[in-house]
Structure formats: C-alpha cells, structure tokens
Amino acid sequence: MSKYRTSSYAFTVFNPNNKDKAEGLDELKKLRKTIAYTNKLGLTNHYVKCQGRWGKKNPNYNRRTGKKNPNYNRRTIPFCPLRHAVKWDVYFYRM
C-alpha cells in the first residue's frame, strides 16, 4: 500500500493470524504500547487503527461475498474483518 495515499498510514502487518509467519506484529505491539504510554502521560492523544485486507487467494473472500471467481483487482469490498484478513494496514490517528 502506498504510504502517500494518507498521512495516517504507518505500516502493514503480513500474516497476522498465523503467529509463526507473522511479520510486523512485534512493531504493532510496540506502537500500541508507546501510544498508550504517551496518552497516559497526557503528552498526546492518539490511537492506532488496524484495517484488514483480503489479499490474493484468500478463501474467506468467497464465503463472505458469495462470488466463485472474484477478480482480485476489482473487488467491491476492499476491506474485511481482521479475523479473515491476510494483511493488516496500521493507521495512526490523532484524536
């Protein structure tokens, strides 16, 4: 995902539901812990949002949409629940 699409985008976590192959999950935990600490001190007021993406060949996409052969680039539902996601996009917002 392009970093220039929104200034709130931080990074992407790959394979978040597979603990053995997850990439970026440690960075997400560190970011959440840092934000919680700075919010507690009253220095800033931010929050972290995770948005799930289907990813290519995700079997949950067919079940969710009812389509047999979805075209990956022309999906009508670009985001999904985190439990079905292959990738999580992490966003960092100020309240």
C-alpha atoms as a PDB file:
ATOM      1  CA  MET A   1       0.000   0.000   0.000  1.00  0.00           C
ATOM      2  CA  SER A   2       1.284   3.437  -0.887  1.00  0.00           C
ATOM      3  CA  LYS A   3       2.461   5.488   2.063  1.00  0.00           C
ATOM      4  CA  TYR A   4       1.436   8.652   0.221  1.00  0.00           C
ATOM      5  CA  ARG A   5      -2.245   7.791  -0.002  1.00  0.00           C
ATOM      6  CA  THR A   6      -2.871   9.051   3.530  1.00  0.00           C
ATOM      7  CA  SER A   7      -0.590  10.620   6.087  1.00  0.00           C
ATOM      8  CA  SER A   8      -2.032   8.363   8.816  1.00  0.00           C
ATOM      9  CA  TYR A   9      -0.722   5.108   7.289  1.00  0.00           C
ATOM     10  CA  ALA A  10       2.127   3.602   9.331  1.00  0.00           C
ATOM     11  CA  PHE A  11       2.911   0.076   8.006  1.00  0.00           C
ATOM     12  CA  THR A  12       1.442  -3.296   7.010  1.00  0.00           C
ATOM     13  CA  VAL A  13       1.396  -6.476   9.100  1.00  0.00           C
ATOM     14  CA  PHE A  14       1.624  -9.648   6.968  1.00  0.00           C
ATOM     15  CA  ASN A  15       0.042 -12.981   8.010  1.00  0.00           C
ATOM     16  CA  PRO A  16      -1.205 -11.607  11.347  1.00  0.00           C
ATOM     17  CA  ASN A  17      -3.433 -14.597  12.102  1.00  0.00           C
ATOM     18  CA  ASN A  18      -0.562 -17.076  11.713  1.00  0.00           C
ATOM     19  CA  LYS A  19       1.699 -16.460  14.716  1.00  0.00           C
ATOM     20  CA  ASP A  20       4.586 -18.469  13.218  1.00  0.00           C
ATOM     21  CA  LYS A  21       4.717 -16.490   9.938  1.00  0.00           C
ATOM     22  CA  ALA A  22       3.549 -13.072  11.152  1.00  0.00           C
ATOM     23  CA  GLU A  23       5.667 -10.135  10.011  1.00  0.00           C
ATOM     24  CA  GLY A  24       5.282  -6.776  11.719  1.00  0.00           C
ATOM     25  CA  LEU A  25       3.237  -7.966  14.688  1.00  0.00           C
ATOM     26  CA  ASP A  26       6.012  -7.025  17.118  1.00  0.00           C
ATOM     27  CA  GLU A  27       6.164  -3.497  15.682  1.00  0.00           C
ATOM     28  CA  LEU A  28       2.396  -3.191  16.135  1.00  0.00           C
ATOM     29  CA  LYS A  29       2.654  -4.245  19.790  1.00  0.00           C
ATOM     30  CA  LYS A  30       5.469  -1.743  20.383  1.00  0.00           C
ATOM     31  CA  LEU A  31       3.498   1.055  18.699  1.00  0.00           C
ATOM     32  CA  ARG A  32       0.386   0.347  20.775  1.00  0.00           C
ATOM     33  CA  LYS A  33       2.413   0.241  23.976  1.00  0.00           C
ATOM     34  CA  THR A  34       4.144   3.534  23.111  1.00  0.00           C
ATOM     35  CA  ILE A  35       0.852   5.257  22.273  1.00  0.00           C
ATOM     36  CA  ALA A  36      -0.740   4.019  25.497  1.00  0.00           C
ATOM     37  CA  TYR A  37       2.214   5.340  27.490  1.00  0.00           C
ATOM     38  CA  THR A  38       2.217   8.807  25.866  1.00  0.00           C
ATOM     39  CA  ASN A  39      -1.561   9.057  26.233  1.00  0.00           C
ATOM     40  CA  LYS A  40      -1.253   8.141  29.911  1.00  0.00           C
ATOM     41  CA  LEU A  41       1.305  10.905  30.442  1.00  0.00           C
ATOM     42  CA  GLY A  42      -1.038  13.363  28.762  1.00  0.00           C
ATOM     43  CA  LEU A  43       1.564  14.383  26.189  1.00  0.00           C
ATOM     44  CA  THR A  44      -0.586  13.452  23.209  1.00  0.00           C
ATOM     45  CA  ASN A  45      -3.924  11.880  22.456  1.00  0.00           C
ATOM     46  CA  HIS A  46      -3.553   9.315  19.648  1.00  0.00           C
ATOM     47  CA  TYR A  47      -4.913   5.910  18.728  1.00  0.00           C
ATOM     48  CA  VAL A  48      -3.921   3.044  16.451  1.00  0.00           C
ATOM     49  CA  LYS A  49      -6.385   1.508  13.986  1.00  0.00           C
ATOM     50  CA  CYS A  50      -5.932  -1.775  12.115  1.00  0.00           C
ATOM     51  CA  GLN A  51      -7.783  -2.285   8.837  1.00  0.00           C
ATOM     52  CA  GLY A  52      -7.908  -5.802   7.353  1.00  0.00           C
ATOM     53  CA  ARG A  53      -7.276  -6.516   3.661  1.00  0.00           C
ATOM     54  CA  TRP A  54      -8.369  -9.659   1.824  1.00  0.00           C
ATOM     55  CA  GLY A  55      -5.145 -10.389  -0.052  1.00  0.00           C
ATOM     56  CA  LYS A  56      -4.815 -12.662  -3.055  1.00  0.00           C
ATOM     57  CA  LYS A  57      -6.358 -16.149  -2.953  1.00  0.00           C
ATOM     58  CA  ASN A  58      -7.999 -15.645   0.433  1.00  0.00           C
ATOM     59  CA  PRO A  59     -10.584 -18.454   0.863  1.00  0.00           C
ATOM     60  CA  ASN A  60     -12.657 -16.307   3.225  1.00  0.00           C
ATOM     61  CA  TYR A  61     -13.391 -13.825   0.421  1.00  0.00           C
ATOM     62  CA  ASN A  62     -15.513 -16.359  -1.487  1.00  0.00           C
ATOM     63  CA  ARG A  63     -17.520 -17.251   1.621  1.00  0.00           C
ATOM     64  CA  ARG A  64     -18.096 -13.640   2.576  1.00  0.00           C
ATOM     65  CA  THR A  65     -19.134 -12.275  -0.839  1.00  0.00           C
ATOM     66  CA  GLY A  66     -20.714 -15.349  -2.420  1.00  0.00           C
ATOM     67  CA  LYS A  67     -18.596 -14.964  -5.583  1.00  0.00           C
ATOM     68  CA  LYS A  68     -16.975 -18.055  -7.039  1.00  0.00           C
ATOM     69  CA  ASN A  69     -14.127 -16.460  -9.013  1.00  0.00           C
ATOM     70  CA  PRO A  70     -13.521 -12.944  -7.739  1.00  0.00           C
ATOM     71  CA  ASN A  71     -11.301 -10.632  -9.739  1.00  0.00           C
ATOM     72  CA  TYR A  72      -8.755  -9.501  -7.158  1.00  0.00           C
ATOM     73  CA  ASN A  73      -8.275  -6.008  -8.599  1.00  0.00           C
ATOM     74  CA  ARG A  74     -11.974  -5.178  -8.964  1.00  0.00           C
ATOM     75  CA  ARG A  75     -13.396  -6.190  -5.625  1.00  0.00           C
ATOM     76  CA  THR A  76     -16.438  -4.379  -4.321  1.00  0.00           C
ATOM     77  CA  ILE A  77     -15.391  -4.993  -0.688  1.00  0.00           C
ATOM     78  CA  PRO A  78     -11.737  -3.925  -0.315  1.00  0.00           C
ATOM     79  CA  PHE A  79     -11.517  -4.271   3.476  1.00  0.00           C
ATOM     80  CA  CYS A  80     -12.550  -7.133   5.718  1.00  0.00           C
ATOM     81  CA  PRO A  81     -12.761  -8.152   9.385  1.00  0.00           C
ATOM     82  CA  LEU A  82      -9.344  -8.667  10.973  1.00  0.00           C
ATOM     83  CA  ARG A  83     -10.014 -12.356  11.641  1.00  0.00           C
ATOM     84  CA  HIS A  84     -10.362 -13.007   7.859  1.00  0.00           C
ATOM     85  CA  ALA A  85      -7.533 -10.712   6.739  1.00  0.00           C
ATOM     86  CA  VAL A  86      -4.263 -11.777   5.182  1.00  0.00           C
ATOM     87  CA  LYS A  87      -2.805  -8.296   5.752  1.00  0.00           C
ATOM     88  CA  TRP A  88      -3.486  -5.585   8.315  1.00  0.00           C
ATOM     89  CA  ASP A  89      -2.859  -1.962   7.433  1.00  0.00           C
ATOM     90  CA  VAL A  90      -1.922   0.009  10.541  1.00  0.00           C
ATOM     91  CA  TYR A  91      -3.024   3.640  10.820  1.00  0.00           C
ATOM     92  CA  PHE A  92      -2.003   6.171  13.448  1.00  0.00           C
ATOM     93  CA  TYR A  93      -4.568   8.901  14.256  1.00  0.00           C
ATOM     94  CA  ARG A  94      -4.684  11.949  16.491  1.00  0.00           C
ATOM     95  CA  MET A  95      -7.913  12.454  18.459  1.00  0.00           C
END
